[in-house]
N, C-alpha and C. Protein backbone atom coordinates (compact mmCIF):
# COMPACT_ATOMS: atom_id res chain seq x y z
N MET A 1 -21.91 -22.00 -13.30
CA MET A 1 -21.04 -21.25 -12.43
C MET A 1 -20.38 -22.18 -11.44
N ARG A 2 -19.06 -22.05 -11.33
CA ARG A 2 -18.28 -22.88 -10.39
C ARG A 2 -18.42 -22.31 -9.00
N ARG A 3 -18.77 -23.14 -8.06
CA ARG A 3 -18.93 -22.70 -6.69
C ARG A 3 -17.66 -22.96 -5.90
N ARG A 4 -17.22 -21.95 -5.18
CA ARG A 4 -16.02 -22.09 -4.37
C ARG A 4 -16.38 -22.62 -2.98
N PRO A 5 -15.45 -23.32 -2.34
CA PRO A 5 -15.74 -23.84 -1.00
C PRO A 5 -15.95 -22.70 -0.01
N PHE A 6 -16.79 -22.96 0.98
CA PHE A 6 -17.06 -21.98 2.02
C PHE A 6 -15.99 -22.03 3.09
N ARG A 7 -14.93 -21.25 2.89
CA ARG A 7 -13.89 -21.16 3.91
C ARG A 7 -13.20 -19.82 3.79
N THR A 8 -12.68 -19.38 4.90
CA THR A 8 -12.02 -18.08 4.93
C THR A 8 -10.53 -18.25 4.63
N CYS A 9 -9.89 -17.13 4.36
CA CYS A 9 -8.45 -17.10 4.17
C CYS A 9 -7.86 -16.34 5.34
N SER A 10 -6.97 -16.96 6.07
CA SER A 10 -6.36 -16.33 7.23
C SER A 10 -5.06 -15.64 6.84
N CYS A 11 -5.06 -14.30 6.85
CA CYS A 11 -3.84 -13.55 6.55
C CYS A 11 -2.78 -13.83 7.60
N ALA A 12 -3.21 -13.93 8.87
CA ALA A 12 -2.26 -14.18 9.96
C ALA A 12 -1.59 -15.56 9.78
N ARG A 13 -2.39 -16.57 9.48
CA ARG A 13 -1.83 -17.91 9.29
C ARG A 13 -0.94 -17.95 8.06
N SER A 14 -1.37 -17.32 6.96
CA SER A 14 -0.54 -17.29 5.75
C SER A 14 0.76 -16.57 5.99
N GLY A 15 0.72 -15.48 6.78
CA GLY A 15 1.91 -14.72 7.07
C GLY A 15 2.88 -15.41 7.99
N SER A 16 2.38 -16.40 8.74
CA SER A 16 3.26 -17.12 9.67
C SER A 16 4.01 -18.26 8.99
N ARG A 17 3.57 -18.63 7.78
CA ARG A 17 4.27 -19.68 7.05
C ARG A 17 5.63 -19.16 6.59
N ARG A 18 6.58 -20.05 6.52
CA ARG A 18 7.93 -19.66 6.15
C ARG A 18 8.11 -19.77 4.63
N PHE A 19 8.43 -18.69 4.02
CA PHE A 19 8.83 -18.66 2.61
C PHE A 19 9.81 -17.52 2.48
N ASP A 20 10.59 -17.54 1.42
CA ASP A 20 11.66 -16.57 1.26
C ASP A 20 11.15 -15.14 1.18
N GLN A 21 11.92 -14.22 1.73
CA GLN A 21 11.60 -12.81 1.62
C GLN A 21 11.62 -12.40 0.16
N TRP A 22 10.84 -11.37 -0.15
CA TRP A 22 10.74 -10.80 -1.49
C TRP A 22 10.17 -11.78 -2.50
N GLN A 23 9.48 -12.83 -2.04
CA GLN A 23 8.87 -13.82 -2.93
C GLN A 23 7.37 -13.87 -2.66
N PRO A 24 6.59 -12.98 -3.27
CA PRO A 24 5.14 -12.94 -3.03
C PRO A 24 4.47 -14.28 -3.31
N ARG A 25 3.48 -14.61 -2.45
CA ARG A 25 2.70 -15.83 -2.62
C ARG A 25 1.22 -15.44 -2.73
N VAL A 26 0.54 -16.01 -3.70
CA VAL A 26 -0.88 -15.72 -3.92
C VAL A 26 -1.69 -16.42 -2.83
N ILE A 27 -2.63 -15.65 -2.22
CA ILE A 27 -3.53 -16.28 -1.23
C ILE A 27 -4.98 -16.22 -1.69
N ALA A 28 -5.28 -15.39 -2.72
CA ALA A 28 -6.66 -15.30 -3.21
C ALA A 28 -6.67 -14.61 -4.56
N GLU A 29 -7.74 -14.83 -5.31
CA GLU A 29 -7.97 -14.11 -6.55
C GLU A 29 -9.35 -13.46 -6.52
N ILE A 30 -9.41 -12.26 -7.06
CA ILE A 30 -10.65 -11.51 -7.18
C ILE A 30 -10.74 -11.06 -8.63
N ASN A 31 -11.63 -11.67 -9.39
CA ASN A 31 -11.68 -11.43 -10.84
C ASN A 31 -10.30 -11.63 -11.43
N ASP A 32 -9.71 -10.63 -12.06
CA ASP A 32 -8.37 -10.78 -12.65
C ASP A 32 -7.27 -10.27 -11.73
N TYR A 33 -7.60 -10.00 -10.47
CA TYR A 33 -6.62 -9.50 -9.51
C TYR A 33 -6.20 -10.61 -8.56
N GLN A 34 -4.97 -10.51 -8.08
CA GLN A 34 -4.45 -11.45 -7.10
C GLN A 34 -4.15 -10.70 -5.81
N VAL A 35 -4.43 -11.36 -4.70
CA VAL A 35 -4.04 -10.89 -3.38
C VAL A 35 -2.83 -11.75 -3.00
N LYS A 36 -1.69 -11.08 -2.76
CA LYS A 36 -0.45 -11.79 -2.46
C LYS A 36 0.04 -11.39 -1.09
N ILE A 37 0.65 -12.34 -0.40
CA ILE A 37 1.29 -12.05 0.87
C ILE A 37 2.79 -12.14 0.63
N VAL A 38 3.52 -11.23 1.29
CA VAL A 38 4.97 -11.21 1.08
C VAL A 38 5.66 -10.75 2.38
N ARG A 39 6.84 -11.28 2.59
CA ARG A 39 7.71 -10.85 3.69
C ARG A 39 8.89 -10.12 3.05
N ILE A 40 9.22 -8.96 3.59
CA ILE A 40 10.37 -8.21 3.04
C ILE A 40 11.22 -7.67 4.16
N GLU A 41 12.46 -7.40 3.83
CA GLU A 41 13.38 -6.70 4.74
C GLU A 41 14.51 -6.16 3.88
N GLY A 42 14.87 -4.89 4.12
CA GLY A 42 15.93 -4.26 3.35
C GLY A 42 15.37 -3.47 2.19
N ASP A 43 16.25 -3.25 1.23
CA ASP A 43 15.94 -2.42 0.07
C ASP A 43 15.49 -3.26 -1.13
N PHE A 44 14.54 -2.73 -1.88
CA PHE A 44 14.12 -3.37 -3.13
C PHE A 44 14.78 -2.60 -4.28
N VAL A 45 14.27 -2.72 -5.49
CA VAL A 45 14.80 -2.03 -6.64
C VAL A 45 13.83 -0.95 -7.09
N TRP A 46 14.36 0.12 -7.66
CA TRP A 46 13.50 1.14 -8.26
C TRP A 46 12.77 0.49 -9.43
N HIS A 47 11.46 0.67 -9.49
CA HIS A 47 10.66 0.11 -10.58
C HIS A 47 9.33 0.83 -10.67
N ASP A 48 8.61 0.56 -11.74
CA ASP A 48 7.23 1.05 -11.86
C ASP A 48 6.40 -0.01 -12.56
N HIS A 49 5.10 0.23 -12.55
CA HIS A 49 4.16 -0.65 -13.24
C HIS A 49 3.33 0.25 -14.17
N PRO A 50 3.75 0.40 -15.43
CA PRO A 50 3.10 1.34 -16.34
C PRO A 50 1.63 1.06 -16.59
N GLU A 51 1.21 -0.21 -16.43
CA GLU A 51 -0.15 -0.58 -16.78
C GLU A 51 -1.12 -0.61 -15.60
N THR A 52 -0.63 -0.52 -14.36
CA THR A 52 -1.54 -0.76 -13.23
C THR A 52 -1.09 -0.08 -11.95
N ASP A 53 -2.07 0.22 -11.10
CA ASP A 53 -1.79 0.66 -9.73
C ASP A 53 -1.34 -0.56 -8.94
N GLU A 54 -0.73 -0.32 -7.76
CA GLU A 54 -0.31 -1.41 -6.88
C GLU A 54 -0.67 -1.03 -5.45
N ALA A 55 -1.43 -1.91 -4.77
CA ALA A 55 -1.88 -1.63 -3.39
C ALA A 55 -1.00 -2.41 -2.42
N PHE A 56 -0.53 -1.72 -1.37
CA PHE A 56 0.26 -2.30 -0.29
C PHE A 56 -0.56 -2.20 0.99
N ILE A 57 -0.81 -3.31 1.67
CA ILE A 57 -1.52 -3.33 2.94
C ILE A 57 -0.57 -3.98 3.97
N VAL A 58 -0.12 -3.22 4.95
CA VAL A 58 0.85 -3.72 5.91
C VAL A 58 0.14 -4.46 7.04
N LEU A 59 0.60 -5.68 7.31
CA LEU A 59 0.08 -6.49 8.41
C LEU A 59 0.93 -6.37 9.64
N ASP A 60 2.25 -6.32 9.45
CA ASP A 60 3.19 -6.29 10.57
C ASP A 60 4.46 -5.57 10.13
N GLY A 61 5.00 -4.69 11.00
CA GLY A 61 6.20 -3.96 10.68
C GLY A 61 5.89 -2.58 10.08
N ALA A 62 6.92 -1.88 9.66
CA ALA A 62 6.75 -0.55 9.07
C ALA A 62 7.40 -0.53 7.69
N LEU A 63 6.62 -0.23 6.67
CA LEU A 63 7.07 -0.18 5.30
C LEU A 63 7.28 1.27 4.88
N ARG A 64 8.42 1.55 4.29
CA ARG A 64 8.63 2.87 3.68
C ARG A 64 8.66 2.66 2.18
N ILE A 65 7.89 3.46 1.48
CA ILE A 65 7.91 3.42 0.01
C ILE A 65 8.55 4.72 -0.44
N ASP A 66 9.71 4.59 -1.08
CA ASP A 66 10.42 5.76 -1.58
C ASP A 66 9.96 6.11 -2.98
N PHE A 67 9.89 7.40 -3.24
CA PHE A 67 9.59 7.94 -4.57
C PHE A 67 10.75 8.87 -4.93
N ARG A 68 10.87 9.25 -6.15
CA ARG A 68 11.96 10.13 -6.56
C ARG A 68 11.88 11.49 -5.88
N ASP A 69 10.67 11.85 -5.42
CA ASP A 69 10.49 13.18 -4.80
C ASP A 69 9.96 13.11 -3.36
N GLY A 70 10.15 11.99 -2.68
CA GLY A 70 9.68 11.87 -1.30
C GLY A 70 9.48 10.42 -0.90
N SER A 71 8.75 10.21 0.20
CA SER A 71 8.47 8.85 0.65
C SER A 71 7.20 8.85 1.50
N VAL A 72 6.67 7.66 1.73
CA VAL A 72 5.52 7.48 2.61
C VAL A 72 5.81 6.26 3.47
N THR A 73 5.42 6.34 4.75
CA THR A 73 5.57 5.19 5.66
C THR A 73 4.20 4.60 5.89
N VAL A 74 4.09 3.29 5.75
CA VAL A 74 2.83 2.57 5.92
C VAL A 74 2.98 1.66 7.13
N SER A 75 2.10 1.84 8.10
CA SER A 75 2.14 1.09 9.36
C SER A 75 1.12 -0.04 9.35
N PRO A 76 1.19 -0.96 10.31
CA PRO A 76 0.23 -2.07 10.37
C PRO A 76 -1.20 -1.57 10.34
N GLY A 77 -2.00 -2.21 9.52
CA GLY A 77 -3.41 -1.83 9.38
C GLY A 77 -3.65 -0.73 8.37
N GLU A 78 -2.58 -0.20 7.78
CA GLU A 78 -2.71 0.88 6.79
C GLU A 78 -2.47 0.34 5.39
N MET A 79 -3.00 1.10 4.41
CA MET A 79 -2.86 0.75 3.01
C MET A 79 -2.37 1.98 2.24
N TYR A 80 -1.58 1.73 1.23
CA TYR A 80 -1.17 2.80 0.31
C TYR A 80 -1.22 2.26 -1.10
N VAL A 81 -1.76 3.06 -2.03
CA VAL A 81 -1.83 2.66 -3.43
C VAL A 81 -0.86 3.51 -4.24
N VAL A 82 0.09 2.84 -4.88
CA VAL A 82 1.02 3.52 -5.78
C VAL A 82 0.34 3.59 -7.14
N PRO A 83 0.11 4.80 -7.68
CA PRO A 83 -0.55 4.92 -8.98
C PRO A 83 0.30 4.32 -10.10
N LYS A 84 -0.38 3.86 -11.13
CA LYS A 84 0.34 3.28 -12.26
C LYS A 84 1.34 4.28 -12.84
N GLY A 85 2.49 3.73 -13.23
CA GLY A 85 3.52 4.54 -13.86
C GLY A 85 4.42 5.33 -12.90
N VAL A 86 4.16 5.27 -11.59
CA VAL A 86 4.96 6.02 -10.62
C VAL A 86 6.13 5.14 -10.17
N GLU A 87 7.35 5.63 -10.36
CA GLU A 87 8.52 4.89 -9.95
C GLU A 87 8.61 4.87 -8.43
N HIS A 88 8.88 3.71 -7.86
CA HIS A 88 8.92 3.57 -6.41
C HIS A 88 9.89 2.47 -6.00
N LYS A 89 10.25 2.48 -4.70
CA LYS A 89 11.19 1.48 -4.17
C LYS A 89 10.80 1.19 -2.72
N PRO A 90 10.21 0.02 -2.47
CA PRO A 90 9.89 -0.34 -1.09
C PRO A 90 11.18 -0.58 -0.26
N PHE A 91 11.07 -0.26 1.03
CA PHE A 91 12.18 -0.47 1.96
C PHE A 91 11.62 -0.83 3.33
N ALA A 92 12.27 -1.78 4.01
CA ALA A 92 11.88 -2.15 5.36
C ALA A 92 13.13 -2.30 6.21
N ALA A 93 13.24 -1.49 7.27
CA ALA A 93 14.40 -1.57 8.19
C ALA A 93 14.40 -2.90 8.92
N GLY A 94 13.22 -3.41 9.29
CA GLY A 94 13.04 -4.72 9.91
C GLY A 94 12.03 -5.49 9.06
N GLU A 95 11.80 -6.74 9.39
CA GLU A 95 10.88 -7.52 8.56
C GLU A 95 9.48 -6.93 8.56
N VAL A 96 8.88 -6.90 7.38
CA VAL A 96 7.51 -6.45 7.17
C VAL A 96 6.73 -7.58 6.51
N LYS A 97 5.52 -7.82 7.00
CA LYS A 97 4.59 -8.74 6.34
C LYS A 97 3.47 -7.87 5.78
N MET A 98 3.15 -8.09 4.50
CA MET A 98 2.13 -7.26 3.88
C MET A 98 1.40 -8.00 2.78
N LEU A 99 0.28 -7.43 2.40
CA LEU A 99 -0.50 -7.90 1.27
C LEU A 99 -0.27 -6.97 0.10
N LEU A 100 -0.23 -7.54 -1.09
CA LEU A 100 -0.19 -6.77 -2.33
C LEU A 100 -1.44 -7.13 -3.12
N ILE A 101 -2.04 -6.14 -3.74
CA ILE A 101 -3.18 -6.40 -4.61
C ILE A 101 -2.85 -5.82 -5.97
N GLU A 102 -2.81 -6.70 -6.97
CA GLU A 102 -2.45 -6.27 -8.32
C GLU A 102 -3.00 -7.28 -9.33
N PRO A 103 -3.11 -6.89 -10.59
CA PRO A 103 -3.61 -7.83 -11.60
C PRO A 103 -2.72 -9.06 -11.73
N ARG A 104 -3.34 -10.17 -12.06
CA ARG A 104 -2.60 -11.41 -12.29
C ARG A 104 -1.56 -11.15 -13.39
N GLY A 105 -0.33 -11.67 -13.18
CA GLY A 105 0.71 -11.56 -14.19
C GLY A 105 1.66 -10.39 -14.03
N VAL A 106 1.40 -9.49 -13.07
CA VAL A 106 2.29 -8.35 -12.88
C VAL A 106 3.54 -8.81 -12.17
N LEU A 107 4.71 -8.46 -12.74
CA LEU A 107 5.99 -8.80 -12.11
C LEU A 107 6.28 -7.87 -10.95
N ASN A 108 6.82 -8.39 -9.88
CA ASN A 108 7.10 -7.56 -8.71
C ASN A 108 8.14 -6.48 -8.98
N THR A 109 8.99 -6.67 -9.98
CA THR A 109 10.00 -5.65 -10.32
C THR A 109 9.63 -4.84 -11.55
N GLY A 110 8.35 -4.91 -11.96
CA GLY A 110 7.95 -4.19 -13.16
C GLY A 110 8.76 -4.70 -14.33
N HIS A 111 9.30 -3.78 -15.14
CA HIS A 111 10.10 -4.17 -16.29
C HIS A 111 11.60 -4.13 -16.00
N GLU A 112 11.97 -3.93 -14.73
CA GLU A 112 13.38 -3.80 -14.35
C GLU A 112 14.11 -5.14 -14.36
N GLY A 113 13.41 -6.22 -14.01
CA GLY A 113 14.04 -7.53 -13.96
C GLY A 113 15.10 -7.61 -12.86
N GLY A 114 15.97 -8.58 -12.93
CA GLY A 114 17.03 -8.74 -11.96
C GLY A 114 16.78 -9.87 -10.99
N GLU A 115 17.71 -10.00 -10.03
CA GLU A 115 17.68 -11.14 -9.10
C GLU A 115 16.49 -11.11 -8.16
N ARG A 116 15.86 -9.96 -7.96
CA ARG A 116 14.70 -9.89 -7.06
C ARG A 116 13.37 -10.18 -7.77
N THR A 117 13.41 -10.45 -9.06
CA THR A 117 12.18 -10.75 -9.79
C THR A 117 11.68 -12.12 -9.34
N ALA A 118 10.46 -12.14 -8.84
CA ALA A 118 9.85 -13.38 -8.32
C ALA A 118 9.00 -14.05 -9.41
N ARG A 119 8.85 -15.36 -9.31
CA ARG A 119 7.95 -16.09 -10.19
C ARG A 119 6.54 -15.67 -9.91
N ASN A 120 5.72 -15.63 -10.91
CA ASN A 120 4.30 -15.27 -10.77
C ASN A 120 3.46 -16.50 -10.50
N ASP A 121 2.26 -16.26 -9.97
CA ASP A 121 1.24 -17.27 -9.77
C ASP A 121 1.68 -18.44 -8.88
N VAL A 122 2.52 -18.12 -7.87
CA VAL A 122 2.92 -19.15 -6.90
C VAL A 122 1.99 -19.00 -5.70
N TRP A 123 1.18 -20.02 -5.45
CA TRP A 123 0.22 -20.02 -4.37
C TRP A 123 0.85 -20.52 -3.09
N ILE A 124 0.35 -20.01 -1.98
CA ILE A 124 0.85 -20.46 -0.66
C ILE A 124 0.19 -21.77 -0.28
């Protein structure tokens, strides 16, 4: 068994690093899942993830997740899980810093593609 170093991961420190908005960065792995930090502002694209749920944990700012039949607002310290297969579109009026938890290899735009599709497995 490979032993990992004894050190913590600082979400605050990771979130303060400068990287492009809408470009998630991996900060940890748990089994086959990745914990990613991302900065967003503005509108994303409508998309879904047919194979998996997606967890959003807001660190700073207010995130609105739109659905075809409504929306939910996620505030700092709150989490929302979008069930697999549910079409959604994140939106942030001002900058939001948040964590995403999803299986390794999941594209941020689902199968929609486009200019907002980020590279996978990019570590901070």
